[in-house]
Amino acid sequence: MSSKNVFYTIKDKLIIRSNIKLLTGMHIGASNDFSPIGAVDSIVVKDPLTNRPIIPGSSIKGKLRTMMAKLMSDNMFLPSHENDKEEVKRLFGSSVKDNIVEARLQFYDLFLKNAEELEKKNLDLGYTEIKFENRIDRIIAKATPRQLERVPAGAIFGFKLIYNADNSGNENIIKDFKLISNAIKALQLDYIGGSGTRGYGKISFENFTIEKANLKSNDIDLASLLKYLQESEDFVNKLIKNK
């Protein structure tokens, strides 16, 4: 193994939980190889066991990493993954040969928490809605209609994140949580999924909790770490209330 590769021993695992509430409809697309006549043109990704919409952990991970990289970059353009700042790599990992960094963050798929509430709304497709749109060719002004499936505003998903607290020092843990908090704030002013510039995918994080797995005796102060997460909680709604 190259001396550039970084693998720390584990001090403990911290379990971070929150709710993600959709403020606007969200579309995270799934592959749809066959679309019969009259079918929705673009469907959302779903849990195959329940047919309920999910937010893939990869979507949240990718978006948070992008927001963090954008916030930390000093350049005009967003760097490639291998050129991210070391602080980003240590949280999200790096698989570049001879410069492997083990990720401190482990993401999970997000499952719908208020399915029964959505069922009562008599939505178009059980837990989702159909959004009709038109693409307009700017040259010939021709409209091309399409139907998109969206998870509606008000849907709530359970967010779970594991932080691997290693033995590089408590100061690094605090720095990491500050970075995570800022990335979550930025994400709440951005979007997840597609068509975000048209208003899709606006979200709010609510009700953060954090707990130790207690794998080892340690001196990690959860209250101070939770404080940074709570600063980002419900960030969009707080901004609106302060206007």
C-alpha atoms as a PDB file:
ATOM      1  CA  MET A   1       0.000   0.000   0.000  1.00  0.00           C
ATOM      2  CA  SER A   2       1.314   3.443  -0.892  1.00  0.00           C
ATOM      3  CA  SER A   3       2.239   5.772   1.940  1.00  0.00           C
ATOM      4  CA  LYS A   4      -0.250   8.268   0.477  1.00  0.00           C
ATOM      5  CA  ASN A   5      -3.193   6.036   1.305  1.00  0.00           C
ATOM      6  CA  VAL A   6      -5.015   7.080   4.486  1.00  0.00           C
ATOM      7  CA  PHE A   7      -6.788   4.636   6.836  1.00  0.00           C
ATOM      8  CA  TYR A   8      -7.390   5.636  10.453  1.00  0.00           C
ATOM      9  CA  THR A   9      -8.535   3.410  13.294  1.00  0.00           C
ATOM     10  CA  ILE A  10     -12.080   3.933  14.611  1.00  0.00           C
ATOM     11  CA  LYS A  11     -12.776   5.827  17.812  1.00  0.00           C
ATOM     12  CA  ASP A  12     -16.541   5.329  17.508  1.00  0.00           C
ATOM     13  CA  LYS A  13     -19.392   5.565  15.028  1.00  0.00           C
ATOM     14  CA  LEU A  14     -21.844   8.441  15.373  1.00  0.00           C
ATOM     15  CA  ILE A  15     -25.395   7.942  14.082  1.00  0.00           C
ATOM     16  CA  ILE A  16     -26.955  11.142  12.736  1.00  0.00           C
ATOM     17  CA  ARG A  17     -30.681  11.228  11.998  1.00  0.00           C
ATOM     18  CA  SER A  18     -33.021  13.868  10.655  1.00  0.00           C
ATOM     19  CA  ASN A  19     -36.132  14.301   8.542  1.00  0.00           C
ATOM     20  CA  ILE A  20     -36.017  15.742   5.049  1.00  0.00           C
ATOM     21  CA  LYS A  21     -39.245  17.491   4.112  1.00  0.00           C
ATOM     22  CA  LEU A  22     -40.021  18.359   0.501  1.00  0.00           C
ATOM     23  CA  LEU A  23     -40.965  22.022   0.116  1.00  0.00           C
ATOM     24  CA  THR A  24     -41.661  21.542  -3.612  1.00  0.00           C
ATOM     25  CA  GLY A  25     -42.226  18.522  -5.845  1.00  0.00           C
ATOM     26  CA  MET A  26     -39.136  16.371  -6.415  1.00  0.00           C
ATOM     27  CA  HIS A  27     -38.108  14.264  -9.404  1.00  0.00           C
ATOM     28  CA  ILE A  28     -35.237  11.790  -9.076  1.00  0.00           C
ATOM     29  CA  GLY A  29     -35.585   9.696 -12.201  1.00  0.00           C
ATOM     30  CA  ALA A  30     -35.475   5.929 -12.615  1.00  0.00           C
ATOM     31  CA  SER A  31     -34.672   4.020 -15.792  1.00  0.00           C
ATOM     32  CA  ASN A  32     -37.748   3.264 -17.862  1.00  0.00           C
ATOM     33  CA  ASP A  33     -36.877   1.045 -20.816  1.00  0.00           C
ATOM     34  CA  PHE A  34     -40.479   0.565 -21.910  1.00  0.00           C
ATOM     35  CA  SER A  35     -43.103   3.314 -21.976  1.00  0.00           C
ATOM     36  CA  PRO A  36     -46.494   2.278 -23.353  1.00  0.00           C
ATOM     37  CA  ILE A  37     -48.733   4.837 -25.025  1.00  0.00           C
ATOM     38  CA  GLY A  38     -50.239   7.123 -22.423  1.00  0.00           C
ATOM     39  CA  ALA A  39     -47.624   6.276 -19.780  1.00  0.00           C
ATOM     40  CA  VAL A  40     -45.660   8.861 -17.777  1.00  0.00           C
ATOM     41  CA  ASP A  41     -42.578   9.893 -19.745  1.00  0.00           C
ATOM     42  CA  SER A  42     -40.225  10.041 -16.764  1.00  0.00           C
ATOM     43  CA  ILE A  43     -40.848   8.103 -13.552  1.00  0.00           C
ATOM     44  CA  VAL A  44     -39.240   8.498 -10.135  1.00  0.00           C
ATOM     45  CA  VAL A  45     -37.063   5.932  -8.397  1.00  0.00           C
ATOM     46  CA  LYS A  46     -39.006   3.697  -5.989  1.00  0.00           C
ATOM     47  CA  ASP A  47     -38.486   0.988  -3.413  1.00  0.00           C
ATOM     48  CA  PRO A  48     -39.261  -2.239  -5.343  1.00  0.00           C
ATOM     49  CA  LEU A  49     -40.777  -3.866  -2.231  1.00  0.00           C
ATOM     50  CA  THR A  50     -43.319  -1.137  -1.387  1.00  0.00           C
ATOM     51  CA  ASN A  51     -43.514   0.852  -4.654  1.00  0.00           C
ATOM     52  CA  ARG A  52     -43.049   3.988  -2.557  1.00  0.00           C
ATOM     53  CA  PRO A  53     -40.657   6.711  -3.721  1.00  0.00           C
ATOM     54  CA  ILE A  54     -37.207   6.875  -2.148  1.00  0.00           C
ATOM     55  CA  ILE A  55     -34.281   9.258  -2.196  1.00  0.00           C
ATOM     56  CA  PRO A  56     -31.152   7.244  -3.031  1.00  0.00           C
ATOM     57  CA  GLY A  57     -28.303   7.733  -0.605  1.00  0.00           C
ATOM     58  CA  SER A  58     -26.058   8.338  -3.616  1.00  0.00           C
ATOM     59  CA  SER A  59     -28.151  11.396  -4.551  1.00  0.00           C
ATOM     60  CA  ILE A  60     -27.731  12.984  -1.116  1.00  0.00           C
ATOM     61  CA  LYS A  61     -24.041  12.072  -0.930  1.00  0.00           C
ATOM     62  CA  GLY A  62     -23.307  13.467  -4.376  1.00  0.00           C
ATOM     63  CA  LYS A  63     -25.198  16.683  -3.758  1.00  0.00           C
ATOM     64  CA  LEU A  64     -23.643  17.339  -0.328  1.00  0.00           C
ATOM     65  CA  ARG A  65     -20.167  16.660  -1.694  1.00  0.00           C
ATOM     66  CA  THR A  66     -20.769  19.029  -4.589  1.00  0.00           C
ATOM     67  CA  MET A  67     -22.056  21.777  -2.285  1.00  0.00           C
ATOM     68  CA  MET A  68     -19.084  21.364   0.049  1.00  0.00           C
ATOM     69  CA  ALA A  69     -16.595  21.358  -2.830  1.00  0.00           C
ATOM     70  CA  LYS A  70     -18.168  24.507  -4.288  1.00  0.00           C
ATOM     71  CA  LEU A  71     -18.032  26.278  -0.934  1.00  0.00           C
ATOM     72  CA  MET A  72     -14.389  25.368  -0.354  1.00  0.00           C
ATOM     73  CA  SER A  73     -12.986  25.853  -3.855  1.00  0.00           C
ATOM     74  CA  ASP A  74     -10.930  28.959  -4.565  1.00  0.00           C
ATOM     75  CA  ASN A  75     -11.187  28.458  -8.332  1.00  0.00           C
ATOM     76  CA  MET A  76     -13.727  29.653 -10.856  1.00  0.00           C
ATOM     77  CA  PHE A  77     -14.673  26.121 -11.864  1.00  0.00           C
ATOM     78  CA  LEU A  78     -15.609  23.116  -9.742  1.00  0.00           C
ATOM     79  CA  PRO A  79     -12.650  20.703  -9.439  1.00  0.00           C
ATOM     80  CA  SER A  80     -12.834  17.014 -10.281  1.00  0.00           C
ATOM     81  CA  HIS A  81     -13.191  14.584  -7.357  1.00  0.00           C
ATOM     82  CA  GLU A  82      -9.484  13.781  -7.306  1.00  0.00           C
ATOM     83  CA  ASN A  83      -8.715  17.498  -6.972  1.00  0.00           C
ATOM     84  CA  ASP A  84     -11.133  18.206  -4.129  1.00  0.00           C
ATOM     85  CA  LYS A  85      -9.726  19.756  -0.972  1.00  0.00           C
ATOM     86  CA  GLU A  86      -8.390  17.251   1.544  1.00  0.00           C
ATOM     87  CA  GLU A  87     -11.199  18.166   3.954  1.00  0.00           C
ATOM     88  CA  VAL A  88     -13.748  17.042   1.353  1.00  0.00           C
ATOM     89  CA  LYS A  89     -11.863  13.838   0.586  1.00  0.00           C
ATOM     90  CA  ARG A  90     -11.645  12.806   4.219  1.00  0.00           C
ATOM     91  CA  LEU A  91     -15.437  13.056   4.554  1.00  0.00           C
ATOM     92  CA  PHE A  92     -16.518  11.591   1.215  1.00  0.00           C
ATOM     93  CA  GLY A  93     -13.475   9.514   0.319  1.00  0.00           C
ATOM     94  CA  SER A  94     -11.143   9.266  -2.638  1.00  0.00           C
ATOM     95  CA  SER A  95     -10.456   6.188  -4.754  1.00  0.00           C
ATOM     96  CA  VAL A  96      -7.639   7.631  -6.848  1.00  0.00           C
ATOM     97  CA  LYS A  97      -4.807   5.098  -7.199  1.00  0.00           C
ATOM     98  CA  ASP A  98      -1.969   5.700  -4.740  1.00  0.00           C
ATOM     99  CA  ASN A  99      -4.055   8.367  -2.994  1.00  0.00           C
ATOM    100  CA  ILE A 100      -6.908   6.390  -1.426  1.00  0.00           C
ATOM    101  CA  VAL A 101      -8.734   8.120   1.420  1.00  0.00           C
ATOM    102  CA  GLU A 102     -11.332   6.172   3.390  1.00  0.00           C
ATOM    103  CA  ALA A 103     -14.616   8.106   3.689  1.00  0.00           C
ATOM    104  CA  ARG A 104     -15.729   9.129   7.158  1.00  0.00           C
ATOM    105  CA  LEU A 105     -19.353   9.393   6.036  1.00  0.00           C
ATOM    106  CA  GLN A 106     -21.654   6.456   5.250  1.00  0.00           C
ATOM    107  CA  PHE A 107     -24.966   7.313   3.570  1.00  0.00           C
ATOM    108  CA  TYR A 108     -28.236   5.367   3.504  1.00  0.00           C
ATOM    109  CA  ASP A 109     -31.207   5.372   1.145  1.00  0.00           C
ATOM    110  CA  LEU A 110     -34.031   7.591   2.437  1.00  0.00           C
ATOM    111  CA  PHE A 111     -37.462   6.007   2.840  1.00  0.00           C
ATOM    112  CA  LEU A 112     -40.848   7.707   2.950  1.00  0.00           C
ATOM    113  CA  LYS A 113     -42.075   8.331   6.509  1.00  0.00           C
ATOM    114  CA  ASN A 114     -45.573   9.790   5.971  1.00  0.00           C
ATOM    115  CA  ALA A 115     -46.935   7.352   3.388  1.00  0.00           C
ATOM    116  CA  GLU A 116     -50.363   7.139   5.035  1.00  0.00           C
ATOM    117  CA  GLU A 117     -50.713  10.916   4.941  1.00  0.00           C
ATOM    118  CA  LEU A 118     -49.930  10.971   1.203  1.00  0.00           C
ATOM    119  CA  GLU A 119     -52.395   8.135   0.546  1.00  0.00           C
ATOM    120  CA  LYS A 120     -55.204  10.312   1.902  1.00  0.00           C
ATOM    121  CA  LYS A 121     -54.446  13.040  -0.648  1.00  0.00           C
ATOM    122  CA  ASN A 122     -55.693  10.895  -3.571  1.00  0.00           C
ATOM    123  CA  LEU A 123     -52.619  11.620  -5.644  1.00  0.00           C
ATOM    124  CA  ASP A 124     -52.353  10.632  -9.301  1.00  0.00           C
ATOM    125  CA  LEU A 125     -50.178   7.563  -8.713  1.00  0.00           C
ATOM    126  CA  GLY A 126     -50.700   6.648  -5.074  1.00  0.00           C
ATOM    127  CA  TYR A 127     -47.717   8.393  -3.498  1.00  0.00           C
ATOM    128  CA  THR A 128     -46.756  10.641  -6.399  1.00  0.00           C
ATOM    129  CA  GLU A 129     -48.233  13.226  -8.761  1.00  0.00           C
ATOM    130  CA  ILE A 130     -48.043  13.813 -12.499  1.00  0.00           C
ATOM    131  CA  LYS A 131     -46.660  17.141 -13.661  1.00  0.00           C
ATOM    132  CA  PHE A 132     -47.487  18.178 -17.226  1.00  0.00           C
ATOM    133  CA  GLU A 133     -44.838  20.293 -18.937  1.00  0.00           C
ATOM    134  CA  ASN A 134     -44.051  21.677 -22.362  1.00  0.00           C
ATOM    135  CA  ARG A 135     -40.629  21.994 -23.907  1.00  0.00           C
ATOM    136  CA  ILE A 136     -40.547  24.979 -26.243  1.00  0.00           C
ATOM    137  CA  ASP A 137     -38.094  25.032 -29.141  1.00  0.00           C
ATOM    138  CA  ARG A 138     -36.787  28.600 -29.015  1.00  0.00           C
ATOM    139  CA  ILE A 139     -36.104  28.667 -32.783  1.00  0.00           C
ATOM    140  CA  ILE A 140     -39.376  27.359 -34.221  1.00  0.00           C
ATOM    141  CA  ALA A 141     -41.506  27.892 -31.075  1.00  0.00           C
ATOM    142  CA  LYS A 142     -42.782  24.319 -31.256  1.00  0.00           C
ATOM    143  CA  ALA A 143     -44.087  22.812 -28.003  1.00  0.00           C
ATOM    144  CA  THR A 144     -43.269  19.232 -27.023  1.00  0.00           C
ATOM    145  CA  PRO A 145     -45.498  18.075 -24.161  1.00  0.00           C
ATOM    146  CA  ARG A 146     -44.297  15.581 -21.576  1.00  0.00           C
ATOM    147  CA  GLN A 147     -45.438  14.069 -18.293  1.00  0.00           C
ATOM    148  CA  LEU A 148     -43.141  13.839 -15.282  1.00  0.00           C
ATOM    149  CA  GLU A 149     -43.798  11.904 -12.117  1.00  0.00           C
ATOM    150  CA  ARG A 150     -42.985  13.869  -8.952  1.00  0.00           C
ATOM    151  CA  VAL A 151     -42.964  13.219  -5.240  1.00  0.00           C
ATOM    152  CA  PRO A 152     -45.264  15.976  -3.923  1.00  0.00           C
ATOM    153  CA  ALA A 153     -44.435  18.801  -1.539  1.00  0.00           C
ATOM    154  CA  GLY A 154     -45.030  17.720   2.033  1.00  0.00           C
ATOM    155  CA  ALA A 155     -43.485  14.260   1.655  1.00  0.00           C
ATOM    156  CA  ILE A 156     -41.096  13.431   4.519  1.00  0.00           C
ATOM    157  CA  PHE A 157     -38.101  11.115   4.242  1.00  0.00           C
ATOM    158  CA  GLY A 158     -35.947   9.679   7.017  1.00  0.00           C
ATOM    159  CA  PHE A 159     -32.317  10.798   6.735  1.00  0.00           C
ATOM    160  CA  LYS A 160     -29.612   8.632   8.308  1.00  0.00           C
ATOM    161  CA  LEU A 161     -25.872   9.209   8.196  1.00  0.00           C
ATOM    162  CA  ILE A 162     -23.003   7.413   9.930  1.00  0.00           C
ATOM    163  CA  TYR A 163     -19.929   9.459  10.832  1.00  0.00           C
ATOM    164  CA  ASN A 164     -16.801   7.407  11.494  1.00  0.00           C
ATOM    165  CA  ALA A 165     -15.047   9.238  14.319  1.00  0.00           C
ATOM    166  CA  ASP A 166     -11.411   8.222  13.981  1.00  0.00           C
ATOM    167  CA  ASN A 167      -8.319   8.781  16.095  1.00  0.00           C
ATOM    168  CA  SER A 168      -7.028  11.811  14.180  1.00  0.00           C
ATOM    169  CA  GLY A 169      -8.268  14.017  17.040  1.00  0.00           C
ATOM    170  CA  ASN A 170     -11.405  15.722  18.369  1.00  0.00           C
ATOM    171  CA  GLU A 171     -10.428  18.974  16.666  1.00  0.00           C
ATOM    172  CA  ASN A 172     -10.826  17.289  13.282  1.00  0.00           C
ATOM    173  CA  ILE A 173     -14.227  15.933  14.303  1.00  0.00           C
ATOM    174  CA  ILE A 174     -15.406  19.447  15.159  1.00  0.00           C
ATOM    175  CA  LYS A 175     -14.052  20.789  11.845  1.00  0.00           C
ATOM    176  CA  ASP A 176     -15.889  18.026   9.994  1.00  0.00           C
ATOM    177  CA  PHE A 177     -19.222  18.831  11.639  1.00  0.00           C
ATOM    178  CA  LYS A 178     -18.844  22.519  10.797  1.00  0.00           C
ATOM    179  CA  LEU A 179     -18.275  21.558   7.152  1.00  0.00           C
ATOM    180  CA  ILE A 180     -21.239  19.172   7.156  1.00  0.00           C
ATOM    181  CA  SER A 181     -23.467  21.859   8.671  1.00  0.00           C
ATOM    182  CA  ASN A 182     -22.488  24.413   6.026  1.00  0.00           C
ATOM    183  CA  ALA A 183     -23.042  21.917   3.203  1.00  0.00           C
ATOM    184  CA  ILE A 184     -26.530  21.124   4.565  1.00  0.00           C
ATOM    185  CA  LYS A 185     -27.333  24.842   4.750  1.00  0.00           C
ATOM    186  CA  ALA A 186     -26.223  25.308   1.136  1.00  0.00           C
ATOM    187  CA  LEU A 187     -28.211  22.273  -0.012  1.00  0.00           C
ATOM    188  CA  GLN A 188     -31.385  23.737   1.484  1.00  0.00           C
ATOM    189  CA  LEU A 189     -30.846  26.793  -0.712  1.00  0.00           C
ATOM    190  CA  ASP A 190     -30.241  24.545  -3.714  1.00  0.00           C
ATOM    191  CA  TYR A 191     -32.176  21.395  -4.711  1.00  0.00           C
ATOM    192  CA  ILE A 192     -32.007  17.637  -5.136  1.00  0.00           C
ATOM    193  CA  GLY A 193     -33.053  15.720  -8.218  1.00  0.00           C
ATOM    194  CA  GLY A 194     -33.806  17.167 -11.612  1.00  0.00           C
ATOM    195  CA  SER A 195     -35.325  20.442 -12.839  1.00  0.00           C
ATOM    196  CA  GLY A 196     -34.150  22.324  -9.755  1.00  0.00           C
ATOM    197  CA  THR A 197     -33.790  25.596 -11.633  1.00  0.00           C
ATOM    198  CA  ARG A 198     -37.516  25.363 -12.384  1.00  0.00           C
ATOM    199  CA  GLY A 199     -38.395  25.023  -8.715  1.00  0.00           C
ATOM    200  CA  TYR A 200     -38.241  21.261  -8.193  1.00  0.00           C
ATOM    201  CA  GLY A 201     -36.514  19.535  -5.284  1.00  0.00           C
ATOM    202  CA  LYS A 202     -36.448  22.236  -2.600  1.00  0.00           C
ATOM    203  CA  ILE A 203     -35.978  20.602   0.808  1.00  0.00           C
ATOM    204  CA  SER A 204     -35.704  21.331   4.506  1.00  0.00           C
ATOM    205  CA  PHE A 205     -33.864  19.311   7.186  1.00  0.00           C
ATOM    206  CA  GLU A 206     -35.711  18.973  10.492  1.00  0.00           C
ATOM    207  CA  ASN A 207     -35.198  17.412  13.947  1.00  0.00           C
ATOM    208  CA  PHE A 208     -31.545  16.402  13.991  1.00  0.00           C
ATOM    209  CA  THR A 209     -30.401  13.844  16.552  1.00  0.00           C
ATOM    210  CA  ILE A 210     -26.993  12.272  17.130  1.00  0.00           C
ATOM    211  CA  GLU A 211     -25.938   9.283  19.198  1.00  0.00           C
ATOM    212  CA  LYS A 212     -22.850   7.169  19.782  1.00  0.00           C
ATOM    213  CA  ALA A 213     -22.680   3.512  18.891  1.00  0.00           C
ATOM    214  CA  ASN A 214     -20.530   3.177  22.056  1.00  0.00           C
ATOM    215  CA  LEU A 215     -18.095   0.806  20.397  1.00  0.00           C
ATOM    216  CA  LYS A 216     -15.303   2.173  22.558  1.00  0.00           C
ATOM    217  CA  SER A 217     -14.963   4.397  25.602  1.00  0.00           C
ATOM    218  CA  ASN A 218     -14.316   7.911  24.295  1.00  0.00           C
ATOM    219  CA  ASP A 219     -14.562  11.590  25.132  1.00  0.00           C
ATOM    220  CA  ILE A 220     -16.636  12.773  22.146  1.00  0.00           C
ATOM    221  CA  ASP A 221     -18.967  15.613  23.181  1.00  0.00           C
ATOM    222  CA  LEU A 222     -22.212  14.939  21.312  1.00  0.00           C
ATOM    223  CA  ALA A 223     -23.923  18.106  22.551  1.00  0.00           C
ATOM    224  CA  SER A 224     -21.343  20.362  20.914  1.00  0.00           C
ATOM    225  CA  LEU A 225     -21.536  18.417  17.634  1.00  0.00           C
ATOM    226  CA  LEU A 226     -25.341  18.470  17.627  1.00  0.00           C
ATOM    227  CA  LYS A 227     -25.214  22.242  17.973  1.00  0.00           C
ATOM    228  CA  TYR A 228     -23.597  22.554  14.531  1.00  0.00           C
ATOM    229  CA  LEU A 229     -26.239  20.338  12.937  1.00  0.00           C
ATOM    230  CA  GLN A 230     -29.053  22.273  14.617  1.00  0.00           C
ATOM    231  CA  GLU A 231     -27.679  25.492  13.130  1.00  0.00           C
ATOM    232  CA  SER A 232     -28.529  24.071   9.700  1.00  0.00           C
ATOM    233  CA  GLU A 233     -31.885  22.620  10.761  1.00  0.00           C
ATOM    234  CA  ASP A 234     -34.932  24.023   8.987  1.00  0.00           C
ATOM    235  CA  PHE A 235     -32.559  26.588   7.461  1.00  0.00           C
ATOM    236  CA  VAL A 236     -34.822  27.758   4.643  1.00  0.00           C
ATOM    237  CA  ASN A 237     -37.832  28.332   6.898  1.00  0.00           C
ATOM    238  CA  LYS A 238     -35.674  30.266   9.362  1.00  0.00           C
ATOM    239  CA  LEU A 239     -34.524  32.584   6.590  1.00  0.00           C
ATOM    240  CA  ILE A 240     -38.109  33.186   5.512  1.00  0.00           C
ATOM    241  CA  LYS A 241     -39.223  33.932   9.084  1.00  0.00           C
ATOM    242  CA  ASN A 242     -36.425  36.467   9.501  1.00  0.00           C
ATOM    243  CA  LYS A 243     -37.561  38.512   6.506  1.00  0.00           C
END
